[in-house]
N, C-alpha and C. Protein backbone atom coordinates (compact mmCIF):
# COMPACT_ATOMS: atom_id res chain seq x y z
N MET A 1 109.87 196.93 27.81
CA MET A 1 109.32 196.98 26.46
C MET A 1 109.09 198.42 26.01
N ILE A 2 108.63 199.27 26.94
CA ILE A 2 108.41 200.67 26.60
C ILE A 2 109.72 201.34 26.23
N ARG A 3 110.78 201.04 27.01
CA ARG A 3 112.08 201.62 26.74
C ARG A 3 112.58 201.21 25.37
N ALA A 4 112.37 199.94 25.00
CA ALA A 4 112.81 199.46 23.70
C ALA A 4 112.07 200.19 22.58
N LEU A 5 110.76 200.44 22.76
CA LEU A 5 109.98 201.14 21.76
C LEU A 5 110.48 202.57 21.58
N VAL A 6 110.78 203.25 22.69
CA VAL A 6 111.27 204.62 22.62
C VAL A 6 112.61 204.68 21.92
N ILE A 7 113.52 203.75 22.29
CA ILE A 7 114.85 203.72 21.67
C ILE A 7 114.73 203.47 20.18
N MET A 8 113.84 202.54 19.78
CA MET A 8 113.65 202.25 18.36
C MET A 8 113.17 203.48 17.62
N ALA A 9 112.22 204.19 18.21
CA ALA A 9 111.69 205.39 17.55
C ALA A 9 112.76 206.46 17.41
N LEU A 10 113.61 206.62 18.42
CA LEU A 10 114.67 207.61 18.36
C LEU A 10 115.71 207.26 17.31
N LEU A 11 116.03 205.98 17.21
CA LEU A 11 117.03 205.55 16.24
C LEU A 11 116.55 205.72 14.81
N VAL A 12 115.33 205.30 14.56
CA VAL A 12 114.84 205.38 13.18
C VAL A 12 114.42 206.79 12.82
N GLY A 13 114.26 207.66 13.82
CA GLY A 13 113.82 209.01 13.54
C GLY A 13 114.81 209.80 12.71
N THR A 14 116.10 209.40 12.72
CA THR A 14 117.11 210.13 11.98
C THR A 14 117.47 209.46 10.67
N ALA A 15 116.87 208.31 10.38
CA ALA A 15 117.20 207.59 9.17
C ALA A 15 116.51 208.23 7.97
N ARG A 16 117.03 207.95 6.76
CA ARG A 16 116.49 208.58 5.57
C ARG A 16 116.19 207.55 4.47
N ALA A 17 116.03 206.28 4.81
CA ALA A 17 115.83 205.25 3.81
C ALA A 17 114.48 205.44 3.13
N GLU A 18 114.45 205.20 1.81
CA GLU A 18 113.21 205.28 1.05
C GLU A 18 112.36 204.07 1.36
N THR A 19 111.09 204.28 1.58
CA THR A 19 110.18 203.21 1.97
C THR A 19 108.90 203.32 1.16
N THR A 20 108.45 202.21 0.60
CA THR A 20 107.19 202.22 -0.14
C THR A 20 106.03 202.02 0.83
N ASP A 21 104.82 202.37 0.38
CA ASP A 21 103.64 202.19 1.21
C ASP A 21 103.36 200.71 1.45
N ARG A 22 103.64 199.86 0.47
CA ARG A 22 103.46 198.42 0.67
C ARG A 22 104.39 197.91 1.76
N ASP A 23 105.63 198.40 1.76
CA ASP A 23 106.57 198.03 2.82
C ASP A 23 106.00 198.37 4.20
N LEU A 24 105.37 199.54 4.29
CA LEU A 24 104.82 199.97 5.57
C LEU A 24 103.67 199.07 6.02
N VAL A 25 102.82 198.66 5.07
CA VAL A 25 101.71 197.79 5.42
C VAL A 25 102.24 196.46 5.96
N TYR A 26 103.21 195.87 5.28
CA TYR A 26 103.79 194.62 5.75
C TYR A 26 104.49 194.79 7.10
N ALA A 27 105.17 195.91 7.26
CA ALA A 27 105.84 196.17 8.53
C ALA A 27 104.81 196.33 9.65
N GLY A 28 103.67 196.97 9.33
CA GLY A 28 102.61 197.12 10.33
C GLY A 28 102.08 195.78 10.78
N LEU A 29 101.91 194.87 9.83
CA LEU A 29 101.46 193.52 10.19
C LEU A 29 102.50 192.81 11.05
N ALA A 30 103.77 192.99 10.73
CA ALA A 30 104.83 192.35 11.52
C ALA A 30 104.92 192.93 12.93
N LEU A 31 104.55 194.19 13.08
CA LEU A 31 104.59 194.83 14.39
C LEU A 31 103.45 194.39 15.31
N THR A 32 102.43 193.77 14.73
CA THR A 32 101.23 193.46 15.50
C THR A 32 101.50 192.57 16.71
N PRO A 33 102.19 191.41 16.56
CA PRO A 33 102.40 190.55 17.74
C PRO A 33 103.11 191.24 18.91
N PRO A 34 104.26 191.92 18.66
CA PRO A 34 104.89 192.58 19.81
C PRO A 34 104.07 193.72 20.37
N MET A 35 103.34 194.45 19.51
CA MET A 35 102.51 195.52 20.01
C MET A 35 101.33 194.97 20.82
N TYR A 36 100.81 193.83 20.39
CA TYR A 36 99.73 193.18 21.14
C TYR A 36 100.21 192.82 22.55
N LEU A 37 101.37 192.17 22.63
CA LEU A 37 101.90 191.78 23.94
C LEU A 37 102.21 193.01 24.79
N LEU A 38 102.73 194.04 24.15
CA LEU A 38 103.00 195.28 24.87
C LEU A 38 101.71 195.89 25.40
N GLY A 39 100.66 195.87 24.58
CA GLY A 39 99.38 196.43 24.99
C GLY A 39 98.77 195.69 26.16
N VAL A 40 98.76 194.35 26.08
CA VAL A 40 98.22 193.55 27.18
C VAL A 40 99.04 193.77 28.45
N GLY A 41 100.37 193.80 28.28
CA GLY A 41 101.23 194.01 29.44
C GLY A 41 100.99 195.36 30.10
N MET A 42 100.79 196.39 29.29
CA MET A 42 100.55 197.71 29.85
C MET A 42 99.17 197.79 30.51
N HIS A 43 98.18 197.13 29.92
CA HIS A 43 96.84 197.14 30.50
C HIS A 43 96.84 196.47 31.87
N GLU A 44 97.34 195.23 31.91
CA GLU A 44 97.33 194.51 33.17
C GLU A 44 98.34 195.10 34.15
N GLY A 45 99.46 195.59 33.62
CA GLY A 45 100.44 196.23 34.49
C GLY A 45 99.89 197.49 35.14
N SER A 46 99.03 198.21 34.42
CA SER A 46 98.40 199.41 35.00
C SER A 46 97.49 199.04 36.16
N HIS A 47 96.73 197.95 35.98
CA HIS A 47 95.91 197.47 37.09
C HIS A 47 96.78 197.12 38.29
N ALA A 48 97.84 196.37 38.03
CA ALA A 48 98.70 195.91 39.13
C ALA A 48 99.37 197.09 39.84
N LEU A 49 99.88 198.05 39.06
CA LEU A 49 100.54 199.21 39.66
C LEU A 49 99.57 200.03 40.49
N ALA A 50 98.37 200.22 39.96
CA ALA A 50 97.36 200.97 40.72
C ALA A 50 97.03 200.29 42.03
N ALA A 51 96.92 198.97 42.00
CA ALA A 51 96.63 198.23 43.23
C ALA A 51 97.74 198.42 44.26
N LYS A 52 98.98 198.35 43.80
CA LYS A 52 100.11 198.53 44.71
C LYS A 52 100.13 199.96 45.29
N LEU A 53 99.84 200.94 44.45
CA LEU A 53 99.90 202.33 44.90
C LEU A 53 98.86 202.65 45.95
N VAL A 54 97.72 201.97 45.93
CA VAL A 54 96.67 202.26 46.91
C VAL A 54 96.69 201.27 48.08
N GLY A 55 97.74 200.44 48.15
CA GLY A 55 97.89 199.57 49.30
C GLY A 55 97.40 198.15 49.14
N GLY A 56 97.02 197.77 47.91
CA GLY A 56 96.55 196.40 47.68
C GLY A 56 97.70 195.43 47.47
N THR A 57 97.36 194.18 47.37
CA THR A 57 98.35 193.12 47.14
C THR A 57 98.03 192.45 45.81
N VAL A 58 99.01 192.38 44.93
CA VAL A 58 98.84 191.74 43.63
C VAL A 58 99.07 190.24 43.79
N MET A 59 98.05 189.45 43.53
CA MET A 59 98.14 188.01 43.67
C MET A 59 98.71 187.35 42.42
N SER A 60 98.24 187.76 41.25
CA SER A 60 98.75 187.20 40.01
C SER A 60 98.40 188.11 38.85
N VAL A 61 99.23 188.07 37.81
CA VAL A 61 98.99 188.83 36.59
C VAL A 61 99.13 187.88 35.41
N ARG A 62 98.11 187.79 34.59
CA ARG A 62 98.13 186.92 33.41
C ARG A 62 98.20 187.80 32.17
N ILE A 63 99.28 187.65 31.40
CA ILE A 63 99.47 188.42 30.18
C ILE A 63 99.40 187.53 28.94
N PHE A 64 99.97 186.34 29.05
CA PHE A 64 99.98 185.42 27.91
C PHE A 64 100.14 184.01 28.42
N PRO A 65 99.47 183.04 27.80
CA PRO A 65 98.56 183.16 26.66
C PRO A 65 97.16 183.57 27.12
N PRO A 66 96.32 184.05 26.22
CA PRO A 66 94.93 184.37 26.59
C PRO A 66 94.17 183.10 26.91
N GLY A 67 93.05 183.25 27.58
CA GLY A 67 92.26 182.08 27.94
C GLY A 67 91.00 182.46 28.68
N ILE A 68 90.38 181.48 29.30
CA ILE A 68 89.16 181.70 30.07
C ILE A 68 89.54 182.12 31.48
N ASP A 69 89.07 183.29 31.86
CA ASP A 69 89.30 183.76 33.23
C ASP A 69 88.48 182.88 34.17
N PRO A 70 89.14 182.13 35.06
CA PRO A 70 88.40 181.18 35.90
C PRO A 70 87.42 181.84 36.87
N LYS A 71 87.62 183.10 37.21
CA LYS A 71 86.73 183.75 38.17
C LYS A 71 85.42 184.23 37.55
N VAL A 72 85.47 184.58 36.27
CA VAL A 72 84.25 185.09 35.63
C VAL A 72 83.75 184.18 34.52
N GLY A 73 84.54 183.18 34.16
CA GLY A 73 84.13 182.24 33.12
C GLY A 73 84.05 182.84 31.74
N ARG A 74 84.82 183.92 31.46
CA ARG A 74 84.82 184.58 30.16
C ARG A 74 86.21 184.55 29.56
N PHE A 75 86.25 184.53 28.22
CA PHE A 75 87.54 184.60 27.53
C PHE A 75 88.13 186.00 27.70
N ARG A 76 89.40 186.04 28.06
CA ARG A 76 90.09 187.32 28.19
C ARG A 76 91.52 187.17 27.68
N PHE A 77 92.06 188.29 27.21
CA PHE A 77 93.44 188.28 26.74
C PHE A 77 94.43 188.42 27.89
N GLY A 78 93.94 188.80 29.05
CA GLY A 78 94.78 188.90 30.23
C GLY A 78 93.93 189.28 31.42
N TRP A 79 94.46 189.06 32.63
CA TRP A 79 93.72 189.47 33.82
C TRP A 79 94.69 189.65 34.99
N THR A 80 94.21 190.38 35.99
CA THR A 80 95.01 190.68 37.18
C THR A 80 94.16 190.42 38.42
N TYR A 81 94.69 189.62 39.34
CA TYR A 81 94.00 189.33 40.60
C TYR A 81 94.71 190.08 41.72
N VAL A 82 93.94 190.81 42.50
CA VAL A 82 94.50 191.54 43.64
C VAL A 82 93.59 191.34 44.84
N ARG A 83 94.10 191.70 45.99
CA ARG A 83 93.29 191.71 47.20
C ARG A 83 93.70 192.91 48.05
N GLY A 84 92.86 193.23 49.01
CA GLY A 84 93.18 194.34 49.91
C GLY A 84 92.64 195.68 49.46
N LEU A 85 91.81 195.70 48.39
CA LEU A 85 91.18 196.96 47.98
C LEU A 85 89.85 197.08 48.72
N ARG A 86 89.84 197.86 49.77
CA ARG A 86 88.68 197.88 50.67
C ARG A 86 87.75 199.06 50.41
N THR A 87 88.29 200.19 50.02
CA THR A 87 87.44 201.36 49.85
C THR A 87 86.98 201.50 48.40
N ARG A 88 85.94 202.28 48.20
CA ARG A 88 85.42 202.50 46.86
C ARG A 88 86.45 203.22 45.99
N THR A 89 87.17 204.18 46.57
CA THR A 89 88.17 204.92 45.81
C THR A 89 89.29 204.00 45.34
N GLN A 90 89.75 203.11 46.21
CA GLN A 90 90.80 202.16 45.82
C GLN A 90 90.35 201.30 44.64
N LYS A 91 89.14 200.83 44.69
CA LYS A 91 88.63 199.97 43.62
C LYS A 91 88.46 200.76 42.32
N GLN A 92 87.99 202.00 42.44
CA GLN A 92 87.80 202.80 41.24
C GLN A 92 89.13 203.10 40.55
N LEU A 93 90.14 203.41 41.32
CA LEU A 93 91.46 203.66 40.74
C LEU A 93 92.01 202.40 40.07
N PHE A 94 91.74 201.25 40.66
CA PHE A 94 92.17 199.99 40.08
C PHE A 94 91.49 199.76 38.73
N TYR A 95 90.18 200.00 38.67
CA TYR A 95 89.44 199.75 37.44
C TYR A 95 89.81 200.73 36.32
N VAL A 96 90.04 201.99 36.67
CA VAL A 96 90.25 203.02 35.65
C VAL A 96 91.71 203.15 35.23
N ALA A 97 92.64 202.49 35.92
CA ALA A 97 94.07 202.68 35.68
C ALA A 97 94.48 202.50 34.21
N PRO A 98 94.03 201.44 33.51
CA PRO A 98 94.45 201.31 32.10
C PRO A 98 93.98 202.46 31.23
N LYS A 99 92.80 203.01 31.51
CA LYS A 99 92.30 204.12 30.71
C LYS A 99 93.18 205.36 30.92
N ILE A 100 93.63 205.55 32.14
CA ILE A 100 94.53 206.67 32.42
C ILE A 100 95.83 206.49 31.65
N THR A 101 96.37 205.27 31.67
CA THR A 101 97.59 204.98 30.92
C THR A 101 97.40 205.24 29.44
N ASN A 102 96.29 204.75 28.88
CA ASN A 102 95.99 204.98 27.47
C ASN A 102 95.96 206.47 27.14
N ALA A 103 95.23 207.23 27.96
CA ALA A 103 95.06 208.66 27.69
C ALA A 103 96.39 209.41 27.78
N VAL A 104 97.21 209.07 28.78
CA VAL A 104 98.50 209.75 28.93
C VAL A 104 99.41 209.46 27.74
N LEU A 105 99.47 208.20 27.34
CA LEU A 105 100.34 207.84 26.21
C LEU A 105 99.83 208.44 24.90
N LEU A 106 98.52 208.49 24.71
CA LEU A 106 97.99 209.12 23.51
C LEU A 106 98.24 210.63 23.54
N GLY A 107 98.27 211.22 24.74
CA GLY A 107 98.64 212.62 24.84
C GLY A 107 100.08 212.84 24.41
N GLY A 108 100.96 211.91 24.81
CA GLY A 108 102.35 211.99 24.36
C GLY A 108 102.46 211.81 22.85
N PHE A 109 101.65 210.90 22.31
CA PHE A 109 101.64 210.70 20.87
C PHE A 109 101.19 211.97 20.16
N ALA A 110 100.19 212.64 20.71
CA ALA A 110 99.71 213.90 20.13
C ALA A 110 100.81 214.95 20.11
N ALA A 111 101.61 214.98 21.18
CA ALA A 111 102.70 215.94 21.25
C ALA A 111 103.73 215.71 20.15
N LEU A 112 103.82 214.47 19.67
CA LEU A 112 104.73 214.16 18.56
C LEU A 112 104.08 214.45 17.22
N VAL A 113 102.85 213.95 17.06
CA VAL A 113 102.23 213.98 15.73
C VAL A 113 101.81 215.38 15.31
N PHE A 114 101.61 216.28 16.26
CA PHE A 114 101.19 217.63 15.91
C PHE A 114 102.34 218.64 15.97
N THR A 115 103.57 218.15 16.10
CA THR A 115 104.72 219.04 16.18
C THR A 115 105.83 218.54 15.26
N ASP A 116 106.93 219.27 15.24
CA ASP A 116 108.09 218.89 14.44
C ASP A 116 108.88 217.76 15.08
N ALA A 117 108.45 217.30 16.27
CA ALA A 117 109.13 216.17 16.91
C ALA A 117 108.79 214.83 16.25
N TRP A 118 107.83 214.84 15.33
CA TRP A 118 107.45 213.63 14.61
C TRP A 118 108.66 213.07 13.85
N PRO A 119 108.94 211.74 13.97
CA PRO A 119 110.11 211.16 13.29
C PRO A 119 110.04 211.38 11.78
N THR A 120 111.20 211.51 11.15
CA THR A 120 111.23 211.68 9.70
C THR A 120 111.25 210.34 8.98
N ASN A 121 111.65 209.29 9.67
CA ASN A 121 111.67 207.96 9.05
C ASN A 121 110.28 207.34 9.11
N ARG A 122 109.81 206.78 8.01
CA ARG A 122 108.44 206.28 7.94
C ARG A 122 108.23 205.03 8.80
N TYR A 123 109.27 204.22 9.00
CA TYR A 123 109.12 203.08 9.89
C TYR A 123 108.92 203.54 11.33
N GLY A 124 109.63 204.59 11.69
CA GLY A 124 109.43 205.15 13.03
C GLY A 124 108.03 205.70 13.20
N GLN A 125 107.54 206.39 12.16
CA GLN A 125 106.18 206.91 12.19
C GLN A 125 105.17 205.76 12.32
N LEU A 126 105.40 204.70 11.54
CA LEU A 126 104.49 203.57 11.56
C LEU A 126 104.46 202.90 12.93
N ALA A 127 105.64 202.69 13.53
CA ALA A 127 105.70 202.04 14.84
C ALA A 127 104.92 202.83 15.87
N LEU A 128 105.09 204.14 15.86
CA LEU A 128 104.37 204.97 16.81
C LEU A 128 102.86 204.96 16.54
N THR A 129 102.47 204.97 15.26
CA THR A 129 101.05 205.00 14.93
C THR A 129 100.37 203.68 15.26
N VAL A 130 101.02 202.56 14.99
CA VAL A 130 100.45 201.26 15.35
C VAL A 130 100.32 201.15 16.86
N PHE A 131 101.33 201.60 17.58
CA PHE A 131 101.27 201.58 19.04
C PHE A 131 100.11 202.45 19.54
N ALA A 132 99.97 203.65 18.98
CA ALA A 132 98.89 204.55 19.38
C ALA A 132 97.53 203.95 19.04
N THR A 133 97.44 203.23 17.93
CA THR A 133 96.18 202.59 17.56
C THR A 133 95.78 201.56 18.61
N GLY A 134 96.76 200.77 19.06
CA GLY A 134 96.48 199.79 20.11
C GLY A 134 96.01 200.45 21.39
N MET A 135 96.63 201.57 21.76
CA MET A 135 96.21 202.29 22.95
C MET A 135 94.79 202.83 22.80
N TRP A 136 94.48 203.33 21.60
CA TRP A 136 93.14 203.87 21.37
C TRP A 136 92.08 202.77 21.42
N VAL A 137 92.40 201.62 20.84
CA VAL A 137 91.45 200.50 20.88
C VAL A 137 91.20 200.06 22.32
N ASP A 138 92.28 199.98 23.11
CA ASP A 138 92.12 199.56 24.50
C ASP A 138 91.30 200.59 25.28
N PHE A 139 91.48 201.86 24.97
CA PHE A 139 90.70 202.90 25.64
C PHE A 139 89.23 202.83 25.24
N SER A 140 88.97 202.50 23.98
CA SER A 140 87.62 202.62 23.42
C SER A 140 86.74 201.40 23.58
N LYS A 141 87.31 200.24 23.74
CA LYS A 141 86.59 198.98 23.55
C LYS A 141 85.44 198.75 24.53
N ASP A 142 85.40 199.47 25.64
CA ASP A 142 84.39 199.20 26.67
C ASP A 142 83.15 200.07 26.55
N VAL A 143 83.12 200.99 25.60
CA VAL A 143 82.04 201.97 25.58
C VAL A 143 80.66 201.33 25.38
N LEU A 144 80.59 200.21 24.69
CA LEU A 144 79.31 199.56 24.43
C LEU A 144 79.17 198.23 25.17
N LEU A 145 80.04 197.98 26.13
CA LEU A 145 79.97 196.74 26.91
C LEU A 145 79.21 197.00 28.21
N PHE A 146 78.36 196.03 28.58
CA PHE A 146 77.51 196.23 29.75
C PHE A 146 77.52 195.05 30.73
N HIS A 147 78.31 194.01 30.46
CA HIS A 147 78.28 192.87 31.39
C HIS A 147 78.96 193.25 32.71
N LYS A 148 78.50 192.67 33.78
CA LYS A 148 78.88 193.11 35.12
C LYS A 148 80.36 192.89 35.45
N GLY A 149 81.04 192.04 34.68
CA GLY A 149 82.46 191.81 34.94
C GLY A 149 83.36 192.83 34.27
N ASN A 150 82.80 193.74 33.47
CA ASN A 150 83.59 194.74 32.77
C ASN A 150 84.08 195.82 33.72
N ASP A 151 85.31 196.26 33.53
CA ASP A 151 85.91 197.25 34.44
C ASP A 151 85.15 198.57 34.42
N VAL A 152 84.74 199.03 33.24
CA VAL A 152 84.03 200.30 33.15
C VAL A 152 82.66 200.20 33.81
N VAL A 153 81.99 199.08 33.63
CA VAL A 153 80.70 198.87 34.29
C VAL A 153 80.88 198.89 35.81
N LYS A 154 81.92 198.23 36.30
CA LYS A 154 82.19 198.25 37.73
C LYS A 154 82.49 199.67 38.21
N LEU A 155 83.19 200.43 37.39
CA LEU A 155 83.50 201.81 37.73
C LEU A 155 82.22 202.64 37.84
N PHE A 156 81.33 202.49 36.86
CA PHE A 156 80.06 203.22 36.89
C PHE A 156 79.21 202.81 38.08
N HIS A 157 79.19 201.52 38.37
CA HIS A 157 78.42 201.06 39.52
C HIS A 157 78.97 201.64 40.82
N GLY A 158 80.30 201.79 40.87
CA GLY A 158 80.91 202.40 42.05
C GLY A 158 80.49 203.85 42.22
N TRP A 159 80.15 204.49 41.11
CA TRP A 159 79.65 205.86 41.13
C TRP A 159 78.13 205.90 41.22
N CYS A 160 77.51 204.76 41.52
CA CYS A 160 76.05 204.64 41.63
C CYS A 160 75.35 204.96 40.31
N MET A 161 76.02 204.60 39.21
CA MET A 161 75.43 204.78 37.89
C MET A 161 74.98 203.44 37.35
N THR A 162 73.69 203.22 37.32
CA THR A 162 73.14 201.99 36.77
C THR A 162 72.05 202.34 35.77
N GLY A 163 71.83 201.46 34.82
CA GLY A 163 70.78 201.68 33.83
C GLY A 163 70.97 202.96 33.06
N TRP A 164 69.90 203.76 32.95
CA TRP A 164 69.94 204.99 32.16
C TRP A 164 70.88 206.03 32.75
N ARG A 165 71.22 205.90 34.03
CA ARG A 165 72.13 206.86 34.66
C ARG A 165 73.53 206.82 34.05
N GLN A 166 73.84 205.73 33.34
CA GLN A 166 75.15 205.62 32.70
C GLN A 166 75.22 206.39 31.39
N VAL A 167 74.07 206.78 30.84
CA VAL A 167 74.04 207.39 29.52
C VAL A 167 74.91 208.65 29.43
N PRO A 168 74.76 209.64 30.34
CA PRO A 168 75.60 210.83 30.24
C PRO A 168 77.10 210.49 30.32
N ALA A 169 77.46 209.59 31.24
CA ALA A 169 78.87 209.24 31.39
C ALA A 169 79.39 208.55 30.13
N ARG A 170 78.58 207.68 29.54
CA ARG A 170 79.01 207.00 28.32
C ARG A 170 79.10 207.96 27.14
N LEU A 171 78.28 208.99 27.12
CA LEU A 171 78.38 210.00 26.07
C LEU A 171 79.69 210.78 26.20
N VAL A 172 80.05 211.12 27.43
CA VAL A 172 81.34 211.79 27.66
C VAL A 172 82.49 210.87 27.24
N TYR A 173 82.37 209.60 27.61
CA TYR A 173 83.36 208.59 27.23
C TYR A 173 83.48 208.51 25.71
N ALA A 174 82.34 208.49 25.02
CA ALA A 174 82.34 208.43 23.56
C ALA A 174 82.99 209.67 22.95
N GLY A 175 82.76 210.83 23.57
CA GLY A 175 83.39 212.05 23.08
C GLY A 175 84.91 211.98 23.20
N ALA A 176 85.39 211.43 24.33
CA ALA A 176 86.83 211.27 24.50
C ALA A 176 87.39 210.31 23.46
N ILE A 177 86.63 209.27 23.14
CA ILE A 177 87.07 208.31 22.13
C ILE A 177 87.23 208.99 20.77
N VAL A 178 86.26 209.83 20.42
CA VAL A 178 86.33 210.54 19.15
C VAL A 178 87.55 211.46 19.12
N GLY A 179 87.77 212.19 20.20
CA GLY A 179 88.90 213.10 20.25
C GLY A 179 90.23 212.39 20.14
N LEU A 180 90.39 211.30 20.87
CA LEU A 180 91.64 210.54 20.81
C LEU A 180 91.78 209.85 19.46
N GLY A 181 90.64 209.44 18.88
CA GLY A 181 90.70 208.83 17.56
C GLY A 181 91.19 209.80 16.51
N ALA A 182 90.87 211.07 16.64
CA ALA A 182 91.35 212.08 15.71
C ALA A 182 92.87 212.20 15.78
N ILE A 183 93.42 212.02 16.97
CA ILE A 183 94.87 212.06 17.13
C ILE A 183 95.51 210.90 16.38
N VAL A 184 94.94 209.71 16.53
CA VAL A 184 95.48 208.53 15.84
C VAL A 184 95.34 208.70 14.33
N ALA A 185 94.20 209.23 13.90
CA ALA A 185 93.99 209.45 12.46
C ALA A 185 95.04 210.40 11.89
N ARG A 186 95.42 211.40 12.68
CA ARG A 186 96.47 212.32 12.24
C ARG A 186 97.80 211.58 12.09
N GLY A 187 98.04 210.60 12.96
CA GLY A 187 99.25 209.81 12.84
C GLY A 187 99.26 209.03 11.53
N PHE A 188 98.12 208.42 11.17
CA PHE A 188 98.03 207.72 9.89
C PHE A 188 98.22 208.69 8.72
N GLN A 189 97.66 209.88 8.86
CA GLN A 189 97.77 210.86 7.79
C GLN A 189 99.22 211.26 7.55
N ARG A 190 99.96 211.44 8.63
CA ARG A 190 101.36 211.84 8.49
C ARG A 190 102.24 210.68 8.04
N THR A 191 101.82 209.45 8.37
CA THR A 191 102.60 208.29 7.95
C THR A 191 102.36 207.97 6.48
N PHE A 192 101.09 208.06 6.07
CA PHE A 192 100.72 207.79 4.68
C PHE A 192 100.18 209.10 4.09
N ASP A 193 100.99 209.76 3.30
CA ASP A 193 100.61 211.08 2.80
C ASP A 193 99.37 211.05 1.94
N ASP A 194 99.21 210.00 1.15
CA ASP A 194 98.05 209.88 0.28
C ASP A 194 96.86 209.38 1.08
N PRO A 195 95.75 210.12 1.19
CA PRO A 195 94.59 209.67 1.98
C PRO A 195 94.06 208.32 1.56
N GLU A 196 94.09 208.00 0.26
CA GLU A 196 93.59 206.71 -0.20
C GLU A 196 94.47 205.58 0.30
N ILE A 197 95.78 205.82 0.28
CA ILE A 197 96.71 204.81 0.79
C ILE A 197 96.52 204.64 2.29
N ALA A 198 96.29 205.75 2.99
CA ALA A 198 96.08 205.67 4.44
C ALA A 198 94.85 204.82 4.76
N ALA A 199 93.77 205.03 4.00
CA ALA A 199 92.56 204.25 4.25
C ALA A 199 92.81 202.78 4.00
N SER A 200 93.54 202.46 2.93
CA SER A 200 93.85 201.06 2.63
C SER A 200 94.70 200.43 3.72
N ALA A 201 95.67 201.19 4.22
CA ALA A 201 96.54 200.67 5.27
C ALA A 201 95.79 200.41 6.55
N ARG A 202 94.85 201.32 6.91
CA ARG A 202 94.08 201.13 8.13
C ARG A 202 93.25 199.85 8.06
N GLN A 203 92.74 199.54 6.87
CA GLN A 203 91.94 198.34 6.73
C GLN A 203 92.76 197.09 7.00
N LEU A 204 94.06 197.14 6.71
CA LEU A 204 94.93 195.99 6.93
C LEU A 204 95.50 195.96 8.34
N VAL A 205 95.83 197.13 8.87
CA VAL A 205 96.52 197.18 10.16
C VAL A 205 95.55 197.11 11.32
N LEU A 206 94.44 197.86 11.25
CA LEU A 206 93.53 197.95 12.39
C LEU A 206 92.95 196.61 12.81
N PRO A 207 92.49 195.73 11.89
CA PRO A 207 91.88 194.49 12.37
C PRO A 207 92.81 193.62 13.19
N VAL A 208 94.12 193.70 12.93
CA VAL A 208 95.03 192.83 13.66
C VAL A 208 95.52 193.43 14.95
N VAL A 209 95.30 194.74 15.14
CA VAL A 209 95.67 195.35 16.42
C VAL A 209 94.45 195.60 17.27
N ALA A 210 93.28 195.52 16.69
CA ALA A 210 92.06 195.83 17.42
C ALA A 210 91.58 194.62 18.21
N THR A 211 92.34 194.27 19.22
CA THR A 211 92.00 193.14 20.06
C THR A 211 91.65 193.63 21.44
N THR A 212 90.83 192.88 22.14
CA THR A 212 90.40 193.25 23.48
C THR A 212 91.45 192.82 24.49
N PHE A 213 91.97 193.77 25.25
CA PHE A 213 92.93 193.46 26.29
C PHE A 213 92.19 193.09 27.55
């Protein structure tokens, strides 16, 4: 799926078709289902890959359809079951893997959006920006979550951070969210030249991509 996204961006990057802002909004909505599946796949795939890299065994990966995770009794859009993670470091890498993936891909997006490598075709710009928005949402969604089944909470507990001890770490996390959000905002700015149009588009596109992976 990642390869298909890259190829699509490269192909449309050289096109010169005129596109209206309304066309872009509708295209953004149409991109939501495949981007959602891509996002869930990358999130759970990151967990699975991290487990394999540290010597664990992947028992199962659930990407679609979403449902109630039988182990925690909570609704989730996907989950990954592994075994063989014995050390604290192995578990921490497993929990943090999707955040690393999000940050790396958003770094790549920044390299495009802040340079002349940005596609000239607006559909290509939109595809990249919607994808980056999904990555940012997945990176950000845990900052205010505190239930014990949450990956970030498990990560903090592994670092012996409980209660108020999590505050400094969550502040650093929030700062990273703001910084990465500025990158995504720049993508919207370059895709929609008019700031008012950009704000209107975000109101339509963000709610449908802002799902919890």
